[in-house]
Amino acid sequence: MDISQQYILFFKFIETYRQTGFTEINPNDPLMIELEEMLGKNDQFFFIGDLLHMKILYCSKRSAQMIGIDQAKVTPYDIKIFTHPDDAFRLGQGTAKVFNLEKDLFINEKGNFLISTNLRLKKPEGGYSNTLFQCYLFYSSIPYKTVFTLQIHTRIDWCKKINCHFHYYVGNDMTYFRYPDEELLMIGHVFSNREFEIIRLIEKGLSSEQIAEKLFLSPHTVNTHRRNMLHKSGKTTMSGLIYDLMERGLL
């Protein structure tokens, strides 16, 4: 199967097992065998969860290889525990965005959203792996009214450009729900981790001098970062930039 078409298996999985609320999944089902084989080739694992009841309903086998936890024992808190401390803030912001989207879907009783970003995830053998998180949220009235999330985790260490950039997407364009390539991973935030750190401090009300002292930089370096960030974003003021990031769920 062409790699661009492989995510069709996830939709087949949803349609096959939604009737039972994803609680009676047969590991010997040819669909599940094909899905697990694909995950192995792509260095991925996924889980399906009920956002309303805050529980994981099913997790694929490769969680053991990727995060060191057996599929039957994975909880919503494990991802937080294994995320790199420097990425914890973005994980928190992304989680908050997921629950805001879940609220909208549940109130409207229809629709779907995709939210995706990359975070560093701890490996069982030690160290961290750059990992793409793709969360497909969808409302369902079957077998009860709720919002389910299909969350796919893909190791993307092969993409060297992502080391100085992070991917971020929120929306309804399902062409972005695919196995990642470089084009997909370059969608999102144009700022480096250092620049984003400075943005967060500006949002908290710190001056350039205070930021410089906190980050062991010179005020000149901080001001250079400020000018570069405005140029990258196309904004004329830092307040406008911060407002835009807050609207996108990044602050």
Foldseek 3Di string as FASTA:
>chain_A
DPQQPVCVLVVVVCVVCLQVVLQDDDCPPPSNVVNLVVCVVQVKKKWKDFPVVQFTRWIDQCCCQFQNDGGVPDHPCSQLVFFDPLCNLQVVLVVVVVVVVQVVCLVVQWDKKKKKKWTWGAGPVGDTFTKIWIWIWTFDPHVHTTIMIMIMIGGDNVQPVCQFPMAIDMGRPCSLVGSDDNVSGRHDGPGGSVLVVLLVVVVVPDDLPRVCVVVVHDSVVSVVSVVVRCVVVVHDDSVVVNVVCVVSSRD
